[in-house]
Amino acid sequence: MTDVFGDVRCELGESALWDGERLYWVDITRGQIYARDWNGGPTRSLAVPGPVGSVALRAGGGLVAALRHAIAFCDVDLGTVEVAREVDEPEGNRLNDGAVDPAGRFWVGSMDLGERSPSGSFYRLDPDLGLTRVFGGIICSNGPAWSPEGDVLYHVDSSRRVIRRYDADPATGELGPGRLFTTDHDCYPDGLAVDAEGGVWNCKWDGSRVVRYAPDGTVDRVIRLPVSRPTRCAFAGPGLDVLAVTSASLGSADELAGRVLLVDPGVRGLPAPAFAG
C-alpha cells in the first residue's frame, strides 16, 4: 500500500530527509526546500537562489544544502540561506545529490546538465569547511549512502546506469578503489538509502520501483510504485520503519508524479547523521 505525504507536487522532487520529527525534501528545479511535521500541519518552504540538489542535517541546527555551485547553511524556520563554501564547477554543471557520513562529513557530487559529458566530480566537505575533490569523471552523480558501520560507501552515476561501492575509512574518510555493485539496463539508478541490516535501497528513474539489494549486490526485494520517476528514498517516521520516496513530475503524466510517497519496506533504517560543521 502506498500513501501520499503532504500536498506538494514537485517538478523534480528529491532528497527525502528525516530529522526525528519532520520530513524534509526539495524541488531541485524550482529551488525550494520543504519541511512538514510527521503528524500533519502545513508544509513549510524556503526558496533558495537557483537549483538545490540536496539537503542534509546540520548538528548546529538547520540544514546543509547543495546549491548550483555552492554549499550553504539553510534554516526553513528562520528563512535563512548562508553560503558556506563556493564550489569551482564548470558553468554547464550543478551540484546534485549529497549526504552526511557517520563521522559528520558532507559528501556531494555534481552533474553535467546535459547528462552527456563526464565533467562531474565527487566532493567531501569536512567540518572545518575544507573541501576535497575525491574523484571526477562523473556524468550524473547520485547517492551517496554508507553501510551501517560506515566502512562502505555506495555511489551512483545515473547516466551510466551503474552503482559502485568503495571501501571507506570511517576515521579519515579516505576511499579505496571503486568496484561495480550493480547495473541497470531498462532504467536509471537514482538516489540511495541503506537500512539497519545493510540492505541498499535504490530508486529507479523510469523504472517505477524501488529495489533493495543485499550487500553482495543481489536483488532482495522490489517495491512497485505508482510513479515512473522515483528519485530518492529515506527511512522516516518515529520507528524509522517507513520509506519516504520523492518523485518527479517532469516528463511524467502519472497522477501522483512529483509527490512524496510512503511505503512499508519491511525493515528499519538508521537515523540520518548530521554535518558536524
C-alpha atoms as a PDB file:
ATOM      1  CA  MET A   1       0.000   0.000   0.000  1.00  0.00           C
ATOM      2  CA  THR A   2       1.259   3.488  -0.907  1.00  0.00           C
ATOM      3  CA  ASP A   3       0.332   6.653   0.991  1.00  0.00           C
ATOM      4  CA  VAL A   4       0.940  10.258  -0.044  1.00  0.00           C
ATOM      5  CA  PHE A   5       2.694  12.685   2.296  1.00  0.00           C
ATOM      6  CA  GLY A   6       1.737  16.343   2.128  1.00  0.00           C
ATOM      7  CA  ASP A   7       0.139  18.285  -0.706  1.00  0.00           C
ATOM      8  CA  VAL A   8       3.174  19.497  -2.691  1.00  0.00           C
ATOM      9  CA  ARG A   9       3.637  18.343  -6.283  1.00  0.00           C
ATOM     10  CA  CYS A  10       7.266  18.843  -7.243  1.00  0.00           C
ATOM     11  CA  GLU A  11       8.685  19.252 -10.693  1.00  0.00           C
ATOM     12  CA  LEU A  12      11.882  17.448  -9.679  1.00  0.00           C
ATOM     13  CA  GLY A  13      11.391  16.221  -6.117  1.00  0.00           C
ATOM     14  CA  GLU A  14      14.495  14.896  -4.351  1.00  0.00           C
ATOM     15  CA  SER A  15      16.443  14.488  -1.127  1.00  0.00           C
ATOM     16  CA  ALA A  16      13.951  12.987   1.329  1.00  0.00           C
ATOM     17  CA  LEU A  17      15.397  13.545   4.815  1.00  0.00           C
ATOM     18  CA  TRP A  18      14.053  12.643   8.279  1.00  0.00           C
ATOM     19  CA  ASP A  19      15.177  14.551  11.387  1.00  0.00           C
ATOM     20  CA  GLY A  20      13.188  12.635  14.009  1.00  0.00           C
ATOM     21  CA  GLU A  21      10.118  14.884  13.902  1.00  0.00           C
ATOM     22  CA  ARG A  22       9.689  16.180  10.373  1.00  0.00           C
ATOM     23  CA  LEU A  23      10.417  15.227   6.803  1.00  0.00           C
ATOM     24  CA  TYR A  24      12.421  17.486   4.510  1.00  0.00           C
ATOM     25  CA  TRP A  25      12.631  17.305   0.739  1.00  0.00           C
ATOM     26  CA  VAL A  26      13.456  19.607  -2.175  1.00  0.00           C
ATOM     27  CA  ASP A  27      12.214  20.584  -5.606  1.00  0.00           C
ATOM     28  CA  ILE A  28      15.509  20.935  -7.458  1.00  0.00           C
ATOM     29  CA  THR A  29      14.443  22.952 -10.475  1.00  0.00           C
ATOM     30  CA  ARG A  30      12.111  25.294  -8.570  1.00  0.00           C
ATOM     31  CA  GLY A  31      14.746  25.998  -5.896  1.00  0.00           C
ATOM     32  CA  GLN A  32      12.526  25.058  -2.951  1.00  0.00           C
ATOM     33  CA  ILE A  33      13.249  23.263   0.328  1.00  0.00           C
ATOM     34  CA  TYR A  34      10.166  21.794   2.012  1.00  0.00           C
ATOM     35  CA  ALA A  35       9.509  20.623   5.574  1.00  0.00           C
ATOM     36  CA  ARG A  36       6.442  19.042   7.130  1.00  0.00           C
ATOM     37  CA  ASP A  37       5.812  17.588  10.585  1.00  0.00           C
ATOM     38  CA  TRP A  38       5.145  13.878  10.565  1.00  0.00           C
ATOM     39  CA  ASN A  39       1.787  14.276  12.319  1.00  0.00           C
ATOM     40  CA  GLY A  40       0.451  16.796   9.832  1.00  0.00           C
ATOM     41  CA  GLY A  41       0.098  20.534   9.635  1.00  0.00           C
ATOM     42  CA  PRO A  42       1.170  22.878   6.865  1.00  0.00           C
ATOM     43  CA  THR A  43       4.133  22.293   4.609  1.00  0.00           C
ATOM     44  CA  ARG A  44       6.781  24.957   5.180  1.00  0.00           C
ATOM     45  CA  SER A  45       9.048  26.092   2.380  1.00  0.00           C
ATOM     46  CA  LEU A  46      12.258  28.005   1.843  1.00  0.00           C
ATOM     47  CA  ALA A  47      13.256  29.453  -1.521  1.00  0.00           C
ATOM     48  CA  VAL A  48      16.953  29.371  -2.381  1.00  0.00           C
ATOM     49  CA  PRO A  49      18.789  31.105  -5.236  1.00  0.00           C
ATOM     50  CA  GLY A  50      18.803  28.716  -8.179  1.00  0.00           C
ATOM     51  CA  PRO A  51      18.503  24.930  -8.087  1.00  0.00           C
ATOM     52  CA  VAL A  52      19.002  22.955  -4.874  1.00  0.00           C
ATOM     53  CA  GLY A  53      20.316  19.431  -5.415  1.00  0.00           C
ATOM     54  CA  SER A  54      20.061  18.056  -1.884  1.00  0.00           C
ATOM     55  CA  VAL A  55      19.868  18.783   1.833  1.00  0.00           C
ATOM     56  CA  ALA A  56      21.271  17.115   4.942  1.00  0.00           C
ATOM     57  CA  LEU A  57      21.020  17.754   8.663  1.00  0.00           C
ATOM     58  CA  ARG A  58      23.444  20.072  10.455  1.00  0.00           C
ATOM     59  CA  ALA A  59      24.491  19.462  14.057  1.00  0.00           C
ATOM     60  CA  GLY A  60      24.189  23.141  14.956  1.00  0.00           C
ATOM     61  CA  GLY A  61      20.625  23.266  13.659  1.00  0.00           C
ATOM     62  CA  GLY A  62      19.058  23.683  10.267  1.00  0.00           C
ATOM     63  CA  LEU A  63      20.418  22.102   7.114  1.00  0.00           C
ATOM     64  CA  VAL A  64      23.425  21.948   4.844  1.00  0.00           C
ATOM     65  CA  ALA A  65      22.337  22.295   1.219  1.00  0.00           C
ATOM     66  CA  ALA A  66      23.905  21.784  -2.199  1.00  0.00           C
ATOM     67  CA  LEU A  67      23.090  24.777  -4.389  1.00  0.00           C
ATOM     68  CA  ARG A  68      24.177  25.108  -8.012  1.00  0.00           C
ATOM     69  CA  HIS A  69      27.856  25.977  -7.411  1.00  0.00           C
ATOM     70  CA  ALA A  70      27.924  26.368  -3.620  1.00  0.00           C
ATOM     71  CA  ILE A  71      27.248  24.612  -0.338  1.00  0.00           C
ATOM     72  CA  ALA A  72      25.049  26.621   2.013  1.00  0.00           C
ATOM     73  CA  PHE A  73      23.633  26.511   5.520  1.00  0.00           C
ATOM     74  CA  CYS A  74      19.845  26.880   5.427  1.00  0.00           C
ATOM     75  CA  ASP A  75      17.090  27.095   8.021  1.00  0.00           C
ATOM     76  CA  VAL A  76      13.474  26.666   6.931  1.00  0.00           C
ATOM     77  CA  ASP A  77      12.109  28.036  10.211  1.00  0.00           C
ATOM     78  CA  LEU A  78      14.312  31.157  10.222  1.00  0.00           C
ATOM     79  CA  GLY A  79      14.107  31.647   6.463  1.00  0.00           C
ATOM     80  CA  THR A  80      17.885  31.939   6.124  1.00  0.00           C
ATOM     81  CA  VAL A  81      20.340  30.884   3.399  1.00  0.00           C
ATOM     82  CA  GLU A  82      24.072  31.414   4.068  1.00  0.00           C
ATOM     83  CA  VAL A  83      26.711  30.317   1.570  1.00  0.00           C
ATOM     84  CA  ALA A  84      29.378  28.355   3.447  1.00  0.00           C
ATOM     85  CA  ARG A  85      31.629  27.261   0.603  1.00  0.00           C
ATOM     86  CA  GLU A  86      31.819  28.017  -3.103  1.00  0.00           C
ATOM     87  CA  VAL A  87      32.500  25.034  -5.377  1.00  0.00           C
ATOM     88  CA  ASP A  88      34.504  25.507  -8.578  1.00  0.00           C
ATOM     89  CA  GLU A  89      32.393  23.707 -11.172  1.00  0.00           C
ATOM     90  CA  PRO A  90      32.028  24.160 -14.945  1.00  0.00           C
ATOM     91  CA  GLU A  91      29.269  26.558 -15.990  1.00  0.00           C
ATOM     92  CA  GLY A  92      27.293  23.692 -17.525  1.00  0.00           C
ATOM     93  CA  ASN A  93      27.277  21.704 -14.274  1.00  0.00           C
ATOM     94  CA  ARG A  94      25.465  21.866 -10.958  1.00  0.00           C
ATOM     95  CA  LEU A  95      25.753  20.114  -7.616  1.00  0.00           C
ATOM     96  CA  ASN A  96      23.305  17.264  -7.186  1.00  0.00           C
ATOM     97  CA  ASP A  97      22.753  14.593  -4.549  1.00  0.00           C
ATOM     98  CA  GLY A  98      24.581  14.679  -1.216  1.00  0.00           C
ATOM     99  CA  ALA A  99      24.554  13.130   2.257  1.00  0.00           C
ATOM    100  CA  VAL A 100      26.456  13.096   5.553  1.00  0.00           C
ATOM    101  CA  ASP A 101      28.615  10.137   6.567  1.00  0.00           C
ATOM    102  CA  PRO A 102      28.543   8.655  10.105  1.00  0.00           C
ATOM    103  CA  ALA A 103      31.538  10.827  11.099  1.00  0.00           C
ATOM    104  CA  GLY A 104      29.729  14.079  10.216  1.00  0.00           C
ATOM    105  CA  ARG A 105      31.292  14.899   6.823  1.00  0.00           C
ATOM    106  CA  PHE A 106      29.100  16.130   3.948  1.00  0.00           C
ATOM    107  CA  TRP A 107      29.645  14.428   0.589  1.00  0.00           C
ATOM    108  CA  VAL A 108      28.135  15.796  -2.613  1.00  0.00           C
ATOM    109  CA  GLY A 109      28.509  15.120  -6.319  1.00  0.00           C
ATOM    110  CA  SER A 110      27.939  17.205  -9.407  1.00  0.00           C
ATOM    111  CA  MET A 111      26.483  16.548 -12.841  1.00  0.00           C
ATOM    112  CA  ASP A 112      26.558  17.768 -16.415  1.00  0.00           C
ATOM    113  CA  LEU A 113      23.199  19.447 -17.028  1.00  0.00           C
ATOM    114  CA  GLY A 114      23.043  17.876 -20.477  1.00  0.00           C
ATOM    115  CA  GLU A 115      23.905  14.463 -18.972  1.00  0.00           C
ATOM    116  CA  ARG A 116      26.438  13.782 -21.715  1.00  0.00           C
ATOM    117  CA  SER A 117      29.847  14.950 -20.524  1.00  0.00           C
ATOM    118  CA  PRO A 118      31.816  13.203 -17.705  1.00  0.00           C
ATOM    119  CA  SER A 119      32.592  16.606 -16.192  1.00  0.00           C
ATOM    120  CA  GLY A 120      31.087  15.908 -12.772  1.00  0.00           C
ATOM    121  CA  SER A 121      33.038  15.463  -9.551  1.00  0.00           C
ATOM    122  CA  PHE A 122      32.519  13.977  -6.108  1.00  0.00           C
ATOM    123  CA  TYR A 123      33.461  16.137  -3.095  1.00  0.00           C
ATOM    124  CA  ARG A 124      33.919  15.790   0.650  1.00  0.00           C
ATOM    125  CA  LEU A 125      33.249  18.773   2.898  1.00  0.00           C
ATOM    126  CA  ASP A 126      34.918  18.373   6.286  1.00  0.00           C
ATOM    127  CA  PRO A 127      33.584  20.010   9.462  1.00  0.00           C
ATOM    128  CA  ASP A 128      36.252  22.744   9.195  1.00  0.00           C
ATOM    129  CA  LEU A 129      34.776  23.547   5.729  1.00  0.00           C
ATOM    130  CA  GLY A 130      37.807  22.146   3.944  1.00  0.00           C
ATOM    131  CA  LEU A 131      36.675  20.841   0.557  1.00  0.00           C
ATOM    132  CA  THR A 132      38.314  17.854  -1.159  1.00  0.00           C
ATOM    133  CA  ARG A 133      37.642  16.720  -4.724  1.00  0.00           C
ATOM    134  CA  VAL A 134      37.676  12.960  -4.189  1.00  0.00           C
ATOM    135  CA  PHE A 135      37.269  11.857  -7.808  1.00  0.00           C
ATOM    136  CA  GLY A 136      35.902  13.042 -11.151  1.00  0.00           C
ATOM    137  CA  GLY A 137      34.747  11.608 -14.452  1.00  0.00           C
ATOM    138  CA  ILE A 138      31.064  11.502 -13.442  1.00  0.00           C
ATOM    139  CA  ILE A 139      28.178  12.329 -15.767  1.00  0.00           C
ATOM    140  CA  CYS A 140      25.381  12.482 -13.149  1.00  0.00           C
ATOM    141  CA  SER A 141      26.308  11.872  -9.508  1.00  0.00           C
ATOM    142  CA  ASN A 142      23.704  10.388  -7.152  1.00  0.00           C
ATOM    143  CA  GLY A 143      23.771   8.819  -3.735  1.00  0.00           C
ATOM    144  CA  PRO A 144      25.843   8.609  -1.653  1.00  0.00           C
ATOM    145  CA  ALA A 145      24.980   6.224   1.173  1.00  0.00           C
ATOM    146  CA  TRP A 146      27.021   4.225   3.674  1.00  0.00           C
ATOM    147  CA  SER A 147      26.887   0.782   5.250  1.00  0.00           C
ATOM    148  CA  PRO A 148      25.771   0.786   8.903  1.00  0.00           C
ATOM    149  CA  GLU A 149      29.415   0.516  10.028  1.00  0.00           C
ATOM    150  CA  GLY A 150      30.472   3.378   7.744  1.00  0.00           C
ATOM    151  CA  ASP A 151      33.128   1.247   6.059  1.00  0.00           C
ATOM    152  CA  VAL A 152      31.451   1.023   2.628  1.00  0.00           C
ATOM    153  CA  LEU A 153      30.279   3.949   0.501  1.00  0.00           C
ATOM    154  CA  TYR A 154      27.767   3.438  -2.322  1.00  0.00           C
ATOM    155  CA  HIS A 155      27.793   5.925  -5.201  1.00  0.00           C
ATOM    156  CA  VAL A 156      25.676   6.184  -8.363  1.00  0.00           C
ATOM    157  CA  ASP A 157      26.492   7.507 -11.820  1.00  0.00           C
ATOM    158  CA  SER A 158      22.918   7.590 -13.093  1.00  0.00           C
ATOM    159  CA  SER A 159      23.670   8.352 -16.734  1.00  0.00           C
ATOM    160  CA  ARG A 160      25.993   5.351 -16.918  1.00  0.00           C
ATOM    161  CA  ARG A 161      23.356   3.247 -15.091  1.00  0.00           C
ATOM    162  CA  VAL A 162      25.832   1.958 -12.505  1.00  0.00           C
ATOM    163  CA  ILE A 163      26.157   1.808  -8.724  1.00  0.00           C
ATOM    164  CA  ARG A 164      29.677   1.391  -7.356  1.00  0.00           C
ATOM    165  CA  ARG A 165      30.885   0.536  -3.879  1.00  0.00           C
ATOM    166  CA  TYR A 166      34.026   1.869  -2.242  1.00  0.00           C
ATOM    167  CA  ASP A 167      35.809   0.662   0.859  1.00  0.00           C
ATOM    168  CA  ALA A 168      35.816   3.649   3.221  1.00  0.00           C
ATOM    169  CA  ASP A 169      37.907   4.528   6.262  1.00  0.00           C
ATOM    170  CA  PRO A 170      35.382   5.816   8.814  1.00  0.00           C
ATOM    171  CA  ALA A 171      38.056   7.766  10.693  1.00  0.00           C
ATOM    172  CA  THR A 172      39.615   9.662   7.780  1.00  0.00           C
ATOM    173  CA  GLY A 173      37.013   9.435   5.017  1.00  0.00           C
ATOM    174  CA  GLU A 174      39.578   8.032   2.595  1.00  0.00           C
ATOM    175  CA  LEU A 175      38.174   5.760  -0.113  1.00  0.00           C
ATOM    176  CA  GLY A 176      39.632   2.677  -1.779  1.00  0.00           C
ATOM    177  CA  PRO A 177      39.159   1.849  -5.461  1.00  0.00           C
ATOM    178  CA  GLY A 178      35.589   1.664  -6.736  1.00  0.00           C
ATOM    179  CA  ARG A 179      34.066  -1.690  -7.668  1.00  0.00           C
ATOM    180  CA  LEU A 180      30.884  -2.337  -9.627  1.00  0.00           C
ATOM    181  CA  PHE A 181      27.977  -3.081  -7.280  1.00  0.00           C
ATOM    182  CA  THR A 182      25.157  -3.375  -9.815  1.00  0.00           C
ATOM    183  CA  THR A 183      23.987  -2.003 -13.140  1.00  0.00           C
ATOM    184  CA  ASP A 184      20.613  -1.348 -14.801  1.00  0.00           C
ATOM    185  CA  HIS A 185      19.531  -1.839 -18.411  1.00  0.00           C
ATOM    186  CA  ASP A 186      15.853  -0.758 -18.507  1.00  0.00           C
ATOM    187  CA  CYS A 187      16.008   2.315 -16.242  1.00  0.00           C
ATOM    188  CA  TYR A 188      18.357   4.700 -14.426  1.00  0.00           C
ATOM    189  CA  PRO A 189      19.521   4.219 -10.815  1.00  0.00           C
ATOM    190  CA  ASP A 190      18.884   7.347  -8.753  1.00  0.00           C
ATOM    191  CA  GLY A 191      19.026   8.062  -5.002  1.00  0.00           C
ATOM    192  CA  LEU A 192      20.087   5.586  -2.315  1.00  0.00           C
ATOM    193  CA  ALA A 193      19.376   4.645   1.283  1.00  0.00           C
ATOM    194  CA  VAL A 194      20.819   1.882   3.457  1.00  0.00           C
ATOM    195  CA  ASP A 195      18.779   0.123   6.140  1.00  0.00           C
ATOM    196  CA  ALA A 196      19.863  -1.104   9.581  1.00  0.00           C
ATOM    197  CA  GLU A 197      20.595  -4.565   8.180  1.00  0.00           C
ATOM    198  CA  GLY A 198      22.890  -3.209   5.465  1.00  0.00           C
ATOM    199  CA  GLY A 199      20.373  -3.543   2.635  1.00  0.00           C
ATOM    200  CA  VAL A 200      20.805  -0.967  -0.125  1.00  0.00           C
ATOM    201  CA  TRP A 201      17.618   0.710  -1.404  1.00  0.00           C
ATOM    202  CA  ASN A 202      17.748   2.359  -4.814  1.00  0.00           C
ATOM    203  CA  CYS A 203      15.107   4.390  -6.650  1.00  0.00           C
ATOM    204  CA  LYS A 204      14.766   3.552 -10.347  1.00  0.00           C
ATOM    205  CA  TRP A 205      14.116   6.592 -12.588  1.00  0.00           C
ATOM    206  CA  ASP A 206      11.908   5.480 -15.483  1.00  0.00           C
ATOM    207  CA  GLY A 207      11.582   2.171 -13.641  1.00  0.00           C
ATOM    208  CA  SER A 208       8.520   2.737 -11.371  1.00  0.00           C
ATOM    209  CA  ARG A 209      10.117   0.911  -8.460  1.00  0.00           C
ATOM    210  CA  VAL A 210      12.465   0.883  -5.505  1.00  0.00           C
ATOM    211  CA  VAL A 211      14.839  -2.085  -5.291  1.00  0.00           C
ATOM    212  CA  ARG A 212      16.539  -3.464  -2.195  1.00  0.00           C
ATOM    213  CA  TYR A 213      19.920  -5.097  -2.764  1.00  0.00           C
ATOM    214  CA  ALA A 214      21.766  -7.347  -0.367  1.00  0.00           C
ATOM    215  CA  PRO A 215      25.335  -6.190   0.416  1.00  0.00           C
ATOM    216  CA  ASP A 216      26.633  -8.603  -2.246  1.00  0.00           C
ATOM    217  CA  GLY A 217      24.607  -6.828  -4.952  1.00  0.00           C
ATOM    218  CA  THR A 218      21.875  -9.429  -5.406  1.00  0.00           C
ATOM    219  CA  VAL A 219      18.261  -8.231  -5.599  1.00  0.00           C
ATOM    220  CA  ASP A 220      16.444  -8.933  -2.338  1.00  0.00           C
ATOM    221  CA  ARG A 221      13.046  -7.305  -2.961  1.00  0.00           C
ATOM    222  CA  VAL A 222      11.233  -4.920  -5.281  1.00  0.00           C
ATOM    223  CA  ILE A 223       8.529  -2.407  -4.351  1.00  0.00           C
ATOM    224  CA  ARG A 224       6.437  -1.227  -7.294  1.00  0.00           C
ATOM    225  CA  LEU A 225       5.357   2.409  -7.257  1.00  0.00           C
ATOM    226  CA  PRO A 226       2.523   4.367  -8.931  1.00  0.00           C
ATOM    227  CA  VAL A 227       5.076   6.833 -10.360  1.00  0.00           C
ATOM    228  CA  SER A 228       7.577   6.159 -13.130  1.00  0.00           C
ATOM    229  CA  ARG A 229      10.256   8.532 -11.844  1.00  0.00           C
ATOM    230  CA  PRO A 230      11.076   7.979  -8.157  1.00  0.00           C
ATOM    231  CA  THR A 231      14.208   9.911  -7.223  1.00  0.00           C
ATOM    232  CA  ARG A 232      15.362   9.285  -3.652  1.00  0.00           C
ATOM    233  CA  CYS A 233      14.233   7.395  -0.569  1.00  0.00           C
ATOM    234  CA  ALA A 234      14.816   7.804   3.156  1.00  0.00           C
ATOM    235  CA  PHE A 235      13.731   5.927   6.247  1.00  0.00           C
ATOM    236  CA  ALA A 236      11.298   8.048   8.211  1.00  0.00           C
ATOM    237  CA  GLY A 237       8.713   8.006  10.981  1.00  0.00           C
ATOM    238  CA  PRO A 238       9.196   7.587  14.739  1.00  0.00           C
ATOM    239  CA  GLY A 239      10.203   3.943  14.264  1.00  0.00           C
ATOM    240  CA  LEU A 240      12.284   4.560  11.108  1.00  0.00           C
ATOM    241  CA  ASP A 241      10.112   1.868   9.549  1.00  0.00           C
ATOM    242  CA  VAL A 242       8.553   3.872   6.689  1.00  0.00           C
ATOM    243  CA  LEU A 243      10.266   4.520   3.379  1.00  0.00           C
ATOM    244  CA  ALA A 244       9.632   8.061   2.125  1.00  0.00           C
ATOM    245  CA  VAL A 245      10.144   8.317  -1.630  1.00  0.00           C
ATOM    246  CA  THR A 246      10.391  11.573  -3.578  1.00  0.00           C
ATOM    247  CA  SER A 247       9.449  11.676  -7.256  1.00  0.00           C
ATOM    248  CA  ALA A 248       9.453  13.870 -10.351  1.00  0.00           C
ATOM    249  CA  SER A 249       6.553  15.161 -12.429  1.00  0.00           C
ATOM    250  CA  LEU A 250       9.000  16.382 -15.066  1.00  0.00           C
ATOM    251  CA  GLY A 251       8.299  14.357 -18.196  1.00  0.00           C
ATOM    252  CA  SER A 252       5.661  12.216 -16.467  1.00  0.00           C
ATOM    253  CA  ALA A 253       1.885  12.047 -16.727  1.00  0.00           C
ATOM    254  CA  ASP A 254       1.440   9.818 -13.654  1.00  0.00           C
ATOM    255  CA  GLU A 255      -1.318  11.032 -11.337  1.00  0.00           C
ATOM    256  CA  LEU A 256       0.964  11.021  -8.270  1.00  0.00           C
ATOM    257  CA  ALA A 257       4.103  12.182 -10.086  1.00  0.00           C
ATOM    258  CA  GLY A 258       6.034  14.753  -8.069  1.00  0.00           C
ATOM    259  CA  ARG A 259       4.509  13.737  -4.754  1.00  0.00           C
ATOM    260  CA  VAL A 260       6.221  12.231  -1.712  1.00  0.00           C
ATOM    261  CA  LEU A 261       5.120   8.617  -1.317  1.00  0.00           C
ATOM    262  CA  LEU A 262       5.204   6.484   1.840  1.00  0.00           C
ATOM    263  CA  VAL A 263       5.644   2.716   1.597  1.00  0.00           C
ATOM    264  CA  ASP A 264       6.277  -0.141   4.023  1.00  0.00           C
ATOM    265  CA  PRO A 265       9.792  -1.532   3.431  1.00  0.00           C
ATOM    266  CA  GLY A 266       9.546  -4.340   5.991  1.00  0.00           C
ATOM    267  CA  VAL A 267      12.823  -3.248   7.675  1.00  0.00           C
ATOM    268  CA  ARG A 268      14.024  -0.335   9.756  1.00  0.00           C
ATOM    269  CA  GLY A 269      16.506   2.340   8.842  1.00  0.00           C
ATOM    270  CA  LEU A 270      19.101   4.293  10.786  1.00  0.00           C
ATOM    271  CA  PRO A 271      18.975   7.942  11.942  1.00  0.00           C
ATOM    272  CA  ALA A 272      20.435  10.386   9.430  1.00  0.00           C
ATOM    273  CA  PRO A 273      23.832  11.728  10.580  1.00  0.00           C
ATOM    274  CA  ALA A 274      24.298  15.488  10.886  1.00  0.00           C
ATOM    275  CA  PHE A 275      27.074  17.603   9.407  1.00  0.00           C
ATOM    276  CA  ALA A 276      29.461  18.464  12.235  1.00  0.00           C
ATOM    277  CA  GLY A 277      30.484  21.869  10.883  1.00  0.00           C
END
